[in-house]
Amino acid sequence: MLPEEPAGAIPTPTAGAAEFTATLTWRSPEEVPTGPLLPKLTGIETGAVRCSISEAEVPEECTRRLSARIMALSEENLTAALDAAMRTINETTASTEALLEAGSVRLASSLNFPASTRKRLARDLKEAGFESCFAPAWTPIPGTVWGDAPAADIALGTRGADREFRDFLEGHPSWKIASGYVESVWRP
């Protein structure tokens, strides 16, 4: 179950997510650039990619700390967006002669659930009186990093109707809520 997604939305696909951090340090306060280090990541913010970046300056240490979360609806877009962000950081580092410490971690892979499973869930929801739709989900599914099989065969948006969808899934003979995952649904 995906409580952040619209009620009845069946994902086609779900977003993958990655985070990166970077700390840039300069020799003196005069060398620290003014303005944001990542003012615009050209080509990253598209309909298939979302990026949230924060910067914090520590003037007494001549340091800027950046952290970002990137979400994308395909592995290719996630990789390209993370690459573009890191390339921009490296260019800034080189052009301002800063010392760079950086790292990144992939939090979840983008998933595309089988069309047949999506259609079965939509049919079962309709028969139970629920409306459903097919739409991309921007909520990453936990436990899906580096090709791991997801803990669920399908997911379902439940915003504002969590209890109703939970009751439906728990009472349906074909659907169960995946053990340990409130966010996901699986079919035996």
N, C-alpha and C. Protein backbone atom coordinates (compact mmCIF):
# COMPACT_ATOMS: atom_id res chain seq x y z
N MET A 1 0.84 -1.17 0.00
CA MET A 1 0.00 0.00 0.00
C MET A 1 0.89 1.23 0.00
N LEU A 2 0.51 2.19 -0.81
CA LEU A 2 1.28 3.42 -0.94
C LEU A 2 0.40 4.59 -0.48
N PRO A 3 0.46 4.94 0.81
CA PRO A 3 -0.42 5.98 1.34
C PRO A 3 -0.18 7.37 0.76
N GLU A 4 0.96 7.60 0.13
CA GLU A 4 1.24 8.91 -0.45
C GLU A 4 0.64 9.05 -1.85
N GLU A 5 0.28 7.94 -2.46
CA GLU A 5 -0.24 7.96 -3.83
C GLU A 5 -1.77 8.04 -3.83
N PRO A 6 -2.37 8.57 -4.91
CA PRO A 6 -3.83 8.70 -4.96
C PRO A 6 -4.53 7.36 -4.75
N ALA A 7 -5.66 7.40 -4.06
CA ALA A 7 -6.42 6.18 -3.79
C ALA A 7 -6.81 5.49 -5.09
N GLY A 8 -6.52 4.20 -5.17
CA GLY A 8 -6.87 3.40 -6.33
C GLY A 8 -5.85 3.44 -7.45
N ALA A 9 -4.79 4.22 -7.30
CA ALA A 9 -3.76 4.29 -8.34
C ALA A 9 -2.90 3.03 -8.32
N ILE A 10 -2.81 2.39 -9.47
CA ILE A 10 -1.99 1.20 -9.64
C ILE A 10 -0.76 1.63 -10.42
N PRO A 11 0.44 1.51 -9.83
CA PRO A 11 1.66 2.07 -10.43
C PRO A 11 2.08 1.44 -11.75
N THR A 12 2.48 2.32 -12.67
CA THR A 12 3.02 1.92 -13.97
C THR A 12 4.12 2.87 -14.42
N PRO A 13 5.20 3.04 -13.88
CA PRO A 13 5.97 2.28 -12.90
C PRO A 13 6.02 2.99 -11.55
N THR A 14 6.94 2.51 -10.68
CA THR A 14 7.25 3.22 -9.44
C THR A 14 8.61 3.88 -9.61
N ALA A 15 8.84 4.93 -8.85
CA ALA A 15 10.11 5.66 -8.94
C ALA A 15 11.24 4.90 -8.23
N GLY A 16 12.41 4.98 -8.82
CA GLY A 16 13.62 4.60 -8.12
C GLY A 16 14.16 5.84 -7.42
N ALA A 17 15.02 5.66 -6.44
CA ALA A 17 15.52 6.81 -5.69
C ALA A 17 16.99 6.63 -5.35
N ALA A 18 17.70 7.76 -5.34
CA ALA A 18 19.11 7.79 -4.92
C ALA A 18 19.34 9.07 -4.14
N GLU A 19 20.29 9.04 -3.25
CA GLU A 19 20.70 10.24 -2.51
C GLU A 19 22.18 10.44 -2.71
N PHE A 20 22.58 11.70 -2.74
CA PHE A 20 24.02 11.97 -2.74
C PHE A 20 24.30 13.12 -1.78
N THR A 21 25.52 13.10 -1.29
CA THR A 21 26.00 14.19 -0.44
C THR A 21 27.34 14.65 -1.00
N ALA A 22 27.63 15.90 -0.78
CA ALA A 22 28.91 16.45 -1.21
C ALA A 22 29.30 17.55 -0.23
N THR A 23 30.57 17.54 0.14
CA THR A 23 31.12 18.60 0.97
C THR A 23 32.28 19.21 0.20
N LEU A 24 32.18 20.51 -0.06
CA LEU A 24 33.24 21.23 -0.76
C LEU A 24 33.89 22.18 0.23
N THR A 25 35.22 22.17 0.25
CA THR A 25 35.97 23.01 1.18
C THR A 25 36.99 23.83 0.40
N TRP A 26 37.06 25.13 0.75
CA TRP A 26 38.02 26.03 0.11
C TRP A 26 39.05 26.47 1.13
N ARG A 27 40.15 27.02 0.65
CA ARG A 27 41.24 27.44 1.54
C ARG A 27 40.91 28.68 2.34
N SER A 28 40.08 29.58 1.77
CA SER A 28 39.77 30.83 2.47
C SER A 28 38.32 31.23 2.18
N PRO A 29 37.73 32.06 3.04
CA PRO A 29 36.34 32.49 2.81
C PRO A 29 36.16 33.23 1.49
N GLU A 30 37.19 33.92 1.01
CA GLU A 30 37.09 34.65 -0.25
C GLU A 30 36.91 33.71 -1.45
N GLU A 31 37.37 32.48 -1.32
CA GLU A 31 37.28 31.53 -2.43
C GLU A 31 35.92 30.84 -2.52
N VAL A 32 35.13 30.93 -1.47
CA VAL A 32 33.82 30.26 -1.46
C VAL A 32 32.90 31.00 -2.43
N PRO A 33 32.34 30.29 -3.42
CA PRO A 33 31.46 30.95 -4.40
C PRO A 33 30.19 31.50 -3.73
N THR A 34 29.67 32.57 -4.30
CA THR A 34 28.39 33.10 -3.82
C THR A 34 27.27 32.41 -4.59
N GLY A 35 26.11 32.33 -4.00
CA GLY A 35 24.97 31.69 -4.65
C GLY A 35 25.03 30.18 -4.56
N PRO A 36 23.97 29.54 -4.98
CA PRO A 36 23.91 28.07 -4.90
C PRO A 36 24.93 27.41 -5.83
N LEU A 37 25.46 26.28 -5.39
CA LEU A 37 26.41 25.53 -6.21
C LEU A 37 25.70 24.77 -7.32
N LEU A 38 24.47 24.39 -7.08
CA LEU A 38 23.69 23.67 -8.09
C LEU A 38 22.43 24.48 -8.41
N PRO A 39 22.59 25.63 -9.05
CA PRO A 39 21.42 26.47 -9.30
C PRO A 39 20.39 25.81 -10.20
N LYS A 40 20.86 25.09 -11.20
CA LYS A 40 19.95 24.40 -12.10
C LYS A 40 20.70 23.23 -12.71
N LEU A 41 20.14 22.06 -12.53
CA LEU A 41 20.75 20.87 -13.12
C LEU A 41 20.08 20.64 -14.47
N THR A 42 20.69 21.18 -15.51
CA THR A 42 20.11 21.13 -16.84
C THR A 42 19.82 19.69 -17.25
N GLY A 43 18.58 19.46 -17.66
CA GLY A 43 18.20 18.15 -18.16
C GLY A 43 17.77 17.18 -17.09
N ILE A 44 17.90 17.53 -15.80
CA ILE A 44 17.52 16.59 -14.76
C ILE A 44 16.04 16.67 -14.45
N GLU A 45 15.53 17.86 -14.19
CA GLU A 45 14.12 18.01 -13.82
C GLU A 45 13.26 17.86 -15.07
N THR A 46 12.70 16.68 -15.25
CA THR A 46 11.80 16.41 -16.36
C THR A 46 10.56 15.76 -15.78
N GLY A 47 9.64 15.38 -16.64
CA GLY A 47 8.45 14.69 -16.17
C GLY A 47 8.76 13.32 -15.58
N ALA A 48 9.94 12.78 -15.88
CA ALA A 48 10.30 11.45 -15.40
C ALA A 48 11.34 11.49 -14.28
N VAL A 49 11.78 12.68 -13.88
CA VAL A 49 12.80 12.82 -12.85
C VAL A 49 12.44 13.97 -11.91
N ARG A 50 12.63 13.75 -10.63
CA ARG A 50 12.45 14.81 -9.63
C ARG A 50 13.70 14.87 -8.76
N CYS A 51 14.09 16.09 -8.40
CA CYS A 51 15.31 16.27 -7.62
C CYS A 51 15.06 17.30 -6.53
N SER A 52 15.48 16.98 -5.32
CA SER A 52 15.38 17.90 -4.20
C SER A 52 16.79 18.10 -3.64
N ILE A 53 17.24 19.36 -3.62
CA ILE A 53 18.62 19.66 -3.20
C ILE A 53 18.61 20.66 -2.07
N SER A 54 19.45 20.42 -1.07
CA SER A 54 19.64 21.42 -0.02
C SER A 54 21.13 21.71 0.11
N GLU A 55 21.43 22.98 0.42
CA GLU A 55 22.81 23.41 0.63
C GLU A 55 22.91 24.11 1.97
N ALA A 56 24.01 23.86 2.65
CA ALA A 56 24.27 24.54 3.92
C ALA A 56 25.71 25.02 3.89
N GLU A 57 25.89 26.29 4.25
CA GLU A 57 27.23 26.86 4.28
C GLU A 57 27.72 26.93 5.72
N VAL A 58 28.98 26.57 5.91
CA VAL A 58 29.64 26.69 7.21
C VAL A 58 30.80 27.67 7.02
N PRO A 59 30.51 28.98 7.18
CA PRO A 59 31.51 30.00 6.84
C PRO A 59 32.82 29.85 7.59
N GLU A 60 32.77 29.52 8.88
CA GLU A 60 34.02 29.42 9.65
C GLU A 60 34.90 28.27 9.18
N GLU A 61 34.34 27.31 8.42
CA GLU A 61 35.13 26.20 7.90
C GLU A 61 35.38 26.33 6.40
N CYS A 62 34.89 27.42 5.78
CA CYS A 62 35.00 27.62 4.33
C CYS A 62 34.43 26.42 3.57
N THR A 63 33.27 25.97 4.03
CA THR A 63 32.68 24.72 3.54
C THR A 63 31.24 24.91 3.11
N ARG A 64 30.85 24.17 2.08
CA ARG A 64 29.45 24.04 1.67
C ARG A 64 29.11 22.55 1.68
N ARG A 65 27.98 22.24 2.26
CA ARG A 65 27.50 20.85 2.29
C ARG A 65 26.22 20.77 1.47
N LEU A 66 26.18 19.83 0.56
CA LEU A 66 25.00 19.62 -0.27
C LEU A 66 24.45 18.23 -0.01
N SER A 67 23.15 18.12 -0.05
CA SER A 67 22.53 16.80 -0.03
C SER A 67 21.36 16.85 -1.00
N ALA A 68 21.14 15.74 -1.66
CA ALA A 68 20.08 15.70 -2.66
C ALA A 68 19.44 14.34 -2.70
N ARG A 69 18.18 14.34 -3.06
CA ARG A 69 17.44 13.10 -3.32
C ARG A 69 16.92 13.22 -4.74
N ILE A 70 17.22 12.21 -5.52
CA ILE A 70 16.78 12.16 -6.90
C ILE A 70 15.84 10.96 -7.05
N MET A 71 14.69 11.19 -7.68
CA MET A 71 13.76 10.10 -7.97
C MET A 71 13.49 10.11 -9.47
N ALA A 72 13.38 8.92 -10.05
CA ALA A 72 13.13 8.81 -11.48
C ALA A 72 12.27 7.58 -11.75
N LEU A 73 11.53 7.66 -12.85
CA LEU A 73 10.60 6.58 -13.20
C LEU A 73 11.23 5.47 -14.03
N SER A 74 12.54 5.54 -14.25
CA SER A 74 13.26 4.44 -14.90
C SER A 74 14.69 4.42 -14.37
N GLU A 75 15.30 3.27 -14.45
CA GLU A 75 16.69 3.14 -14.00
C GLU A 75 17.61 4.01 -14.85
N GLU A 76 17.33 4.10 -16.16
CA GLU A 76 18.16 4.90 -17.05
C GLU A 76 18.10 6.38 -16.64
N ASN A 77 16.90 6.88 -16.35
CA ASN A 77 16.76 8.28 -15.95
C ASN A 77 17.39 8.54 -14.59
N LEU A 78 17.27 7.59 -13.67
CA LEU A 78 17.87 7.76 -12.35
C LEU A 78 19.38 7.82 -12.46
N THR A 79 19.95 6.91 -13.23
CA THR A 79 21.40 6.89 -13.42
C THR A 79 21.88 8.17 -14.10
N ALA A 80 21.17 8.60 -15.14
CA ALA A 80 21.56 9.81 -15.87
C ALA A 80 21.46 11.05 -14.98
N ALA A 81 20.42 11.13 -14.16
CA ALA A 81 20.25 12.30 -13.29
C ALA A 81 21.33 12.33 -12.22
N LEU A 82 21.63 11.19 -11.61
CA LEU A 82 22.68 11.14 -10.59
C LEU A 82 24.04 11.48 -11.23
N ASP A 83 24.28 10.97 -12.42
CA ASP A 83 25.52 11.27 -13.13
C ASP A 83 25.63 12.77 -13.42
N ALA A 84 24.54 13.39 -13.87
CA ALA A 84 24.56 14.83 -14.17
C ALA A 84 24.82 15.65 -12.91
N ALA A 85 24.19 15.27 -11.81
CA ALA A 85 24.40 16.00 -10.55
C ALA A 85 25.86 15.88 -10.10
N MET A 86 26.40 14.68 -10.14
CA MET A 86 27.78 14.49 -9.70
C MET A 86 28.76 15.18 -10.66
N ARG A 87 28.46 15.17 -11.95
CA ARG A 87 29.31 15.86 -12.92
C ARG A 87 29.33 17.36 -12.63
N THR A 88 28.16 17.94 -12.32
CA THR A 88 28.08 19.36 -12.01
C THR A 88 28.89 19.68 -10.76
N ILE A 89 28.81 18.84 -9.75
CA ILE A 89 29.59 19.03 -8.52
C ILE A 89 31.08 18.97 -8.84
N ASN A 90 31.49 18.00 -9.65
CA ASN A 90 32.91 17.88 -10.01
C ASN A 90 33.39 19.09 -10.81
N GLU A 91 32.56 19.61 -11.71
CA GLU A 91 32.93 20.81 -12.48
C GLU A 91 33.10 22.01 -11.56
N THR A 92 32.19 22.16 -10.60
CA THR A 92 32.28 23.26 -9.64
C THR A 92 33.55 23.12 -8.81
N THR A 93 33.84 21.91 -8.39
CA THR A 93 35.05 21.65 -7.60
C THR A 93 36.30 22.04 -8.39
N ALA A 94 36.37 21.61 -9.63
CA ALA A 94 37.55 21.91 -10.45
C ALA A 94 37.67 23.40 -10.75
N SER A 95 36.58 24.05 -11.07
CA SER A 95 36.65 25.46 -11.46
C SER A 95 36.91 26.39 -10.27
N THR A 96 36.62 25.95 -9.06
CA THR A 96 36.85 26.81 -7.89
C THR A 96 37.99 26.30 -7.01
N GLU A 97 38.67 25.25 -7.46
CA GLU A 97 39.80 24.67 -6.73
C GLU A 97 39.43 24.28 -5.30
N ALA A 98 38.27 23.65 -5.15
CA ALA A 98 37.82 23.18 -3.83
C ALA A 98 38.27 21.75 -3.62
N LEU A 99 38.23 21.34 -2.37
CA LEU A 99 38.43 19.94 -1.99
C LEU A 99 37.05 19.32 -1.90
N LEU A 100 36.87 18.16 -2.51
CA LEU A 100 35.55 17.52 -2.58
C LEU A 100 35.54 16.19 -1.85
N GLU A 101 34.53 16.01 -1.03
CA GLU A 101 34.19 14.70 -0.46
C GLU A 101 32.76 14.43 -0.88
N ALA A 102 32.53 13.30 -1.56
CA ALA A 102 31.19 13.03 -2.08
C ALA A 102 30.86 11.55 -1.93
N GLY A 103 29.58 11.29 -1.89
CA GLY A 103 29.11 9.91 -1.84
C GLY A 103 27.68 9.84 -2.32
N SER A 104 27.29 8.66 -2.75
CA SER A 104 25.91 8.47 -3.18
C SER A 104 25.46 7.07 -2.79
N VAL A 105 24.16 6.92 -2.67
CA VAL A 105 23.59 5.62 -2.33
C VAL A 105 22.26 5.49 -3.07
N ARG A 106 22.04 4.32 -3.63
CA ARG A 106 20.76 4.05 -4.28
C ARG A 106 19.83 3.49 -3.23
N LEU A 107 18.65 4.11 -3.10
CA LEU A 107 17.69 3.73 -2.06
C LEU A 107 16.68 2.71 -2.55
N ALA A 108 16.29 2.80 -3.81
CA ALA A 108 15.29 1.89 -4.37
C ALA A 108 15.40 1.91 -5.88
N SER A 109 15.09 0.78 -6.49
CA SER A 109 15.08 0.70 -7.95
C SER A 109 13.69 1.02 -8.47
N SER A 110 13.64 1.52 -9.69
CA SER A 110 12.36 1.75 -10.35
C SER A 110 11.76 0.39 -10.71
N LEU A 111 10.46 0.26 -10.51
CA LEU A 111 9.79 -1.01 -10.80
C LEU A 111 8.70 -0.82 -11.84
N ASN A 112 8.54 -1.83 -12.68
CA ASN A 112 7.43 -1.91 -13.62
C ASN A 112 6.74 -3.24 -13.33
N PHE A 113 5.59 -3.18 -12.70
CA PHE A 113 4.86 -4.41 -12.40
C PHE A 113 4.24 -4.96 -13.68
N PRO A 114 4.09 -6.29 -13.78
CA PRO A 114 3.53 -6.89 -15.00
C PRO A 114 2.13 -6.37 -15.29
N ALA A 115 1.86 -6.12 -16.57
CA ALA A 115 0.55 -5.61 -16.98
C ALA A 115 -0.58 -6.55 -16.56
N SER A 116 -0.34 -7.85 -16.63
CA SER A 116 -1.39 -8.81 -16.26
C SER A 116 -1.76 -8.68 -14.78
N THR A 117 -0.77 -8.43 -13.92
CA THR A 117 -1.04 -8.27 -12.50
C THR A 117 -1.78 -6.96 -12.25
N ARG A 118 -1.37 -5.90 -12.93
CA ARG A 118 -2.06 -4.61 -12.79
C ARG A 118 -3.52 -4.74 -13.21
N LYS A 119 -3.77 -5.42 -14.32
CA LYS A 119 -5.14 -5.58 -14.81
C LYS A 119 -5.99 -6.43 -13.86
N ARG A 120 -5.40 -7.48 -13.29
CA ARG A 120 -6.15 -8.31 -12.33
C ARG A 120 -6.55 -7.50 -11.11
N LEU A 121 -5.62 -6.69 -10.59
CA LEU A 121 -5.94 -5.87 -9.43
C LEU A 121 -7.02 -4.85 -9.78
N ALA A 122 -6.91 -4.22 -10.95
CA ALA A 122 -7.93 -3.24 -11.36
C ALA A 122 -9.30 -3.90 -11.47
N ARG A 123 -9.36 -5.10 -12.04
CA ARG A 123 -10.62 -5.83 -12.17
C ARG A 123 -11.21 -6.15 -10.80
N ASP A 124 -10.35 -6.65 -9.89
CA ASP A 124 -10.83 -7.00 -8.54
C ASP A 124 -11.31 -5.76 -7.79
N LEU A 125 -10.60 -4.64 -7.95
CA LEU A 125 -11.03 -3.40 -7.31
C LEU A 125 -12.39 -2.95 -7.85
N LYS A 126 -12.57 -3.03 -9.16
CA LYS A 126 -13.83 -2.62 -9.77
C LYS A 126 -14.97 -3.50 -9.27
N GLU A 127 -14.74 -4.81 -9.21
CA GLU A 127 -15.77 -5.73 -8.73
C GLU A 127 -16.16 -5.45 -7.28
N ALA A 128 -15.22 -4.89 -6.51
CA ALA A 128 -15.49 -4.55 -5.10
C ALA A 128 -16.06 -3.14 -4.95
N GLY A 129 -16.24 -2.42 -6.07
CA GLY A 129 -16.83 -1.09 -6.00
C GLY A 129 -15.83 0.05 -5.88
N PHE A 130 -14.53 -0.24 -6.05
CA PHE A 130 -13.51 0.80 -5.98
C PHE A 130 -13.18 1.31 -7.37
N GLU A 131 -12.87 2.59 -7.47
CA GLU A 131 -12.34 3.13 -8.71
C GLU A 131 -10.84 2.94 -8.70
N SER A 132 -10.29 2.72 -9.88
CA SER A 132 -8.83 2.60 -9.98
C SER A 132 -8.36 3.25 -11.26
N CYS A 133 -7.07 3.51 -11.32
CA CYS A 133 -6.46 4.05 -12.53
C CYS A 133 -5.02 3.57 -12.58
N PHE A 134 -4.43 3.66 -13.74
CA PHE A 134 -3.01 3.32 -13.91
C PHE A 134 -2.25 4.62 -14.01
N ALA A 135 -1.21 4.76 -13.20
CA ALA A 135 -0.43 6.00 -13.17
C ALA A 135 0.95 5.73 -12.58
N PRO A 136 1.95 6.53 -12.96
CA PRO A 136 3.26 6.40 -12.31
C PRO A 136 3.15 6.73 -10.83
N ALA A 137 3.94 6.06 -10.02
CA ALA A 137 3.98 6.32 -8.57
C ALA A 137 5.34 6.91 -8.23
N TRP A 138 5.32 8.05 -7.54
CA TRP A 138 6.57 8.69 -7.14
C TRP A 138 7.04 8.19 -5.78
N THR A 139 6.38 7.21 -5.21
CA THR A 139 6.80 6.63 -3.94
C THR A 139 7.70 5.43 -4.23
N PRO A 140 8.99 5.50 -3.89
CA PRO A 140 9.86 4.35 -4.10
C PRO A 140 9.43 3.16 -3.22
N ILE A 141 9.61 1.96 -3.74
CA ILE A 141 9.28 0.74 -3.01
C ILE A 141 10.54 0.28 -2.29
N PRO A 142 10.51 0.18 -0.95
CA PRO A 142 11.71 -0.22 -0.21
C PRO A 142 12.11 -1.66 -0.52
N GLY A 143 13.39 -1.95 -0.38
CA GLY A 143 13.89 -3.31 -0.56
C GLY A 143 14.04 -3.71 -2.01
N THR A 144 14.23 -2.75 -2.91
CA THR A 144 14.32 -3.08 -4.33
C THR A 144 15.61 -2.55 -4.94
N VAL A 145 16.69 -2.65 -4.25
CA VAL A 145 17.95 -2.08 -4.73
C VAL A 145 18.79 -3.14 -5.42
N TRP A 146 19.45 -2.71 -6.50
CA TRP A 146 20.40 -3.54 -7.24
C TRP A 146 19.80 -4.85 -7.72
N GLY A 147 18.61 -4.77 -8.28
CA GLY A 147 18.03 -5.94 -8.91
C GLY A 147 17.37 -6.92 -7.96
N ASP A 148 17.30 -6.60 -6.67
CA ASP A 148 16.59 -7.49 -5.75
C ASP A 148 15.14 -7.59 -6.20
N ALA A 149 14.56 -8.77 -6.03
CA ALA A 149 13.14 -8.93 -6.34
C ALA A 149 12.33 -8.15 -5.32
N PRO A 150 11.30 -7.45 -5.76
CA PRO A 150 10.48 -6.72 -4.80
C PRO A 150 9.75 -7.69 -3.89
N ALA A 151 9.42 -7.22 -2.69
CA ALA A 151 8.70 -8.05 -1.73
C ALA A 151 7.24 -8.19 -2.12
N ALA A 152 6.81 -7.46 -3.13
CA ALA A 152 5.41 -7.48 -3.55
C ALA A 152 5.33 -7.61 -5.07
N ASP A 153 4.24 -8.19 -5.54
CA ASP A 153 4.02 -8.33 -6.98
C ASP A 153 3.32 -7.12 -7.57
N ILE A 154 2.79 -6.25 -6.70
CA ILE A 154 2.05 -5.08 -7.15
C ILE A 154 1.98 -4.09 -5.98
N ALA A 155 1.66 -2.86 -6.27
CA ALA A 155 1.46 -1.85 -5.23
C ALA A 155 0.16 -1.12 -5.55
N LEU A 156 -0.35 -0.39 -4.56
CA LEU A 156 -1.63 0.28 -4.72
C LEU A 156 -1.64 1.58 -3.93
N GLY A 157 -2.00 2.67 -4.58
CA GLY A 157 -2.17 3.95 -3.90
C GLY A 157 -3.40 3.92 -3.01
N THR A 158 -3.27 4.46 -1.80
CA THR A 158 -4.39 4.39 -0.83
C THR A 158 -4.68 5.72 -0.15
N ARG A 159 -4.12 6.84 -0.62
CA ARG A 159 -4.26 8.13 0.06
C ARG A 159 -5.72 8.42 0.42
N GLY A 160 -5.95 8.65 1.71
CA GLY A 160 -7.28 9.00 2.19
C GLY A 160 -8.23 7.84 2.34
N ALA A 161 -7.82 6.65 1.95
CA ALA A 161 -8.70 5.48 2.04
C ALA A 161 -7.92 4.25 2.49
N ASP A 162 -6.92 4.48 3.34
CA ASP A 162 -6.06 3.37 3.79
C ASP A 162 -6.87 2.22 4.38
N ARG A 163 -7.77 2.53 5.30
CA ARG A 163 -8.54 1.48 5.99
C ARG A 163 -9.39 0.69 5.00
N GLU A 164 -10.07 1.39 4.08
CA GLU A 164 -10.93 0.71 3.12
C GLU A 164 -10.14 -0.26 2.23
N PHE A 165 -8.99 0.20 1.74
CA PHE A 165 -8.17 -0.68 0.89
C PHE A 165 -7.56 -1.81 1.70
N ARG A 166 -7.15 -1.52 2.93
CA ARG A 166 -6.61 -2.59 3.78
C ARG A 166 -7.68 -3.66 4.02
N ASP A 167 -8.90 -3.24 4.33
CA ASP A 167 -9.99 -4.20 4.54
C ASP A 167 -10.24 -5.02 3.28
N PHE A 168 -10.24 -4.36 2.12
CA PHE A 168 -10.43 -5.07 0.86
C PHE A 168 -9.35 -6.13 0.66
N LEU A 169 -8.09 -5.72 0.81
CA LEU A 169 -6.97 -6.64 0.57
C LEU A 169 -6.96 -7.79 1.56
N GLU A 170 -7.22 -7.48 2.84
CA GLU A 170 -7.21 -8.54 3.85
C GLU A 170 -8.38 -9.50 3.68
N GLY A 171 -9.50 -9.01 3.10
CA GLY A 171 -10.67 -9.86 2.94
C GLY A 171 -10.76 -10.57 1.59
N HIS A 172 -9.89 -10.21 0.67
CA HIS A 172 -9.95 -10.80 -0.67
C HIS A 172 -9.20 -12.12 -0.70
N PRO A 173 -9.76 -13.16 -1.34
CA PRO A 173 -9.09 -14.47 -1.36
C PRO A 173 -7.79 -14.50 -2.17
N SER A 174 -7.61 -13.56 -3.10
CA SER A 174 -6.42 -13.60 -3.97
C SER A 174 -5.32 -12.65 -3.58
N TRP A 175 -5.63 -11.62 -2.77
CA TRP A 175 -4.65 -10.59 -2.47
C TRP A 175 -4.32 -10.60 -0.99
N LYS A 176 -3.06 -10.36 -0.68
CA LYS A 176 -2.61 -10.25 0.71
C LYS A 176 -1.63 -9.10 0.81
N ILE A 177 -1.57 -8.51 1.98
CA ILE A 177 -0.57 -7.48 2.21
C ILE A 177 0.73 -8.18 2.54
N ALA A 178 1.78 -7.81 1.82
CA ALA A 178 3.08 -8.47 1.99
C ALA A 178 3.55 -8.33 3.43
N SER A 179 4.01 -9.42 3.98
CA SER A 179 4.48 -9.43 5.36
C SER A 179 5.66 -8.49 5.52
N GLY A 180 5.56 -7.60 6.50
CA GLY A 180 6.64 -6.65 6.77
C GLY A 180 6.60 -5.41 5.91
N TYR A 181 5.70 -5.34 4.94
CA TYR A 181 5.64 -4.18 4.07
C TYR A 181 4.23 -3.61 4.08
N VAL A 182 4.06 -2.52 4.80
CA VAL A 182 2.77 -1.84 4.78
C VAL A 182 2.58 -1.19 3.42
N GLU A 183 3.68 -0.83 2.76
CA GLU A 183 3.62 -0.08 1.52
C GLU A 183 3.26 -0.93 0.30
N SER A 184 3.34 -2.25 0.39
CA SER A 184 3.25 -3.06 -0.80
C SER A 184 2.19 -4.15 -0.69
N VAL A 185 1.77 -4.62 -1.83
CA VAL A 185 0.77 -5.70 -1.90
C VAL A 185 1.34 -6.80 -2.75
N TRP A 186 1.07 -8.05 -2.42
CA TRP A 186 1.55 -9.14 -3.27
C TRP A 186 0.43 -10.13 -3.52
N ARG A 187 0.55 -10.85 -4.61
CA ARG A 187 -0.44 -11.85 -4.99
C ARG A 187 0.24 -13.20 -4.98
N PRO A 188 -0.35 -14.21 -4.26
CA PRO A 188 0.26 -15.55 -4.20
C PRO A 188 0.26 -16.25 -5.54
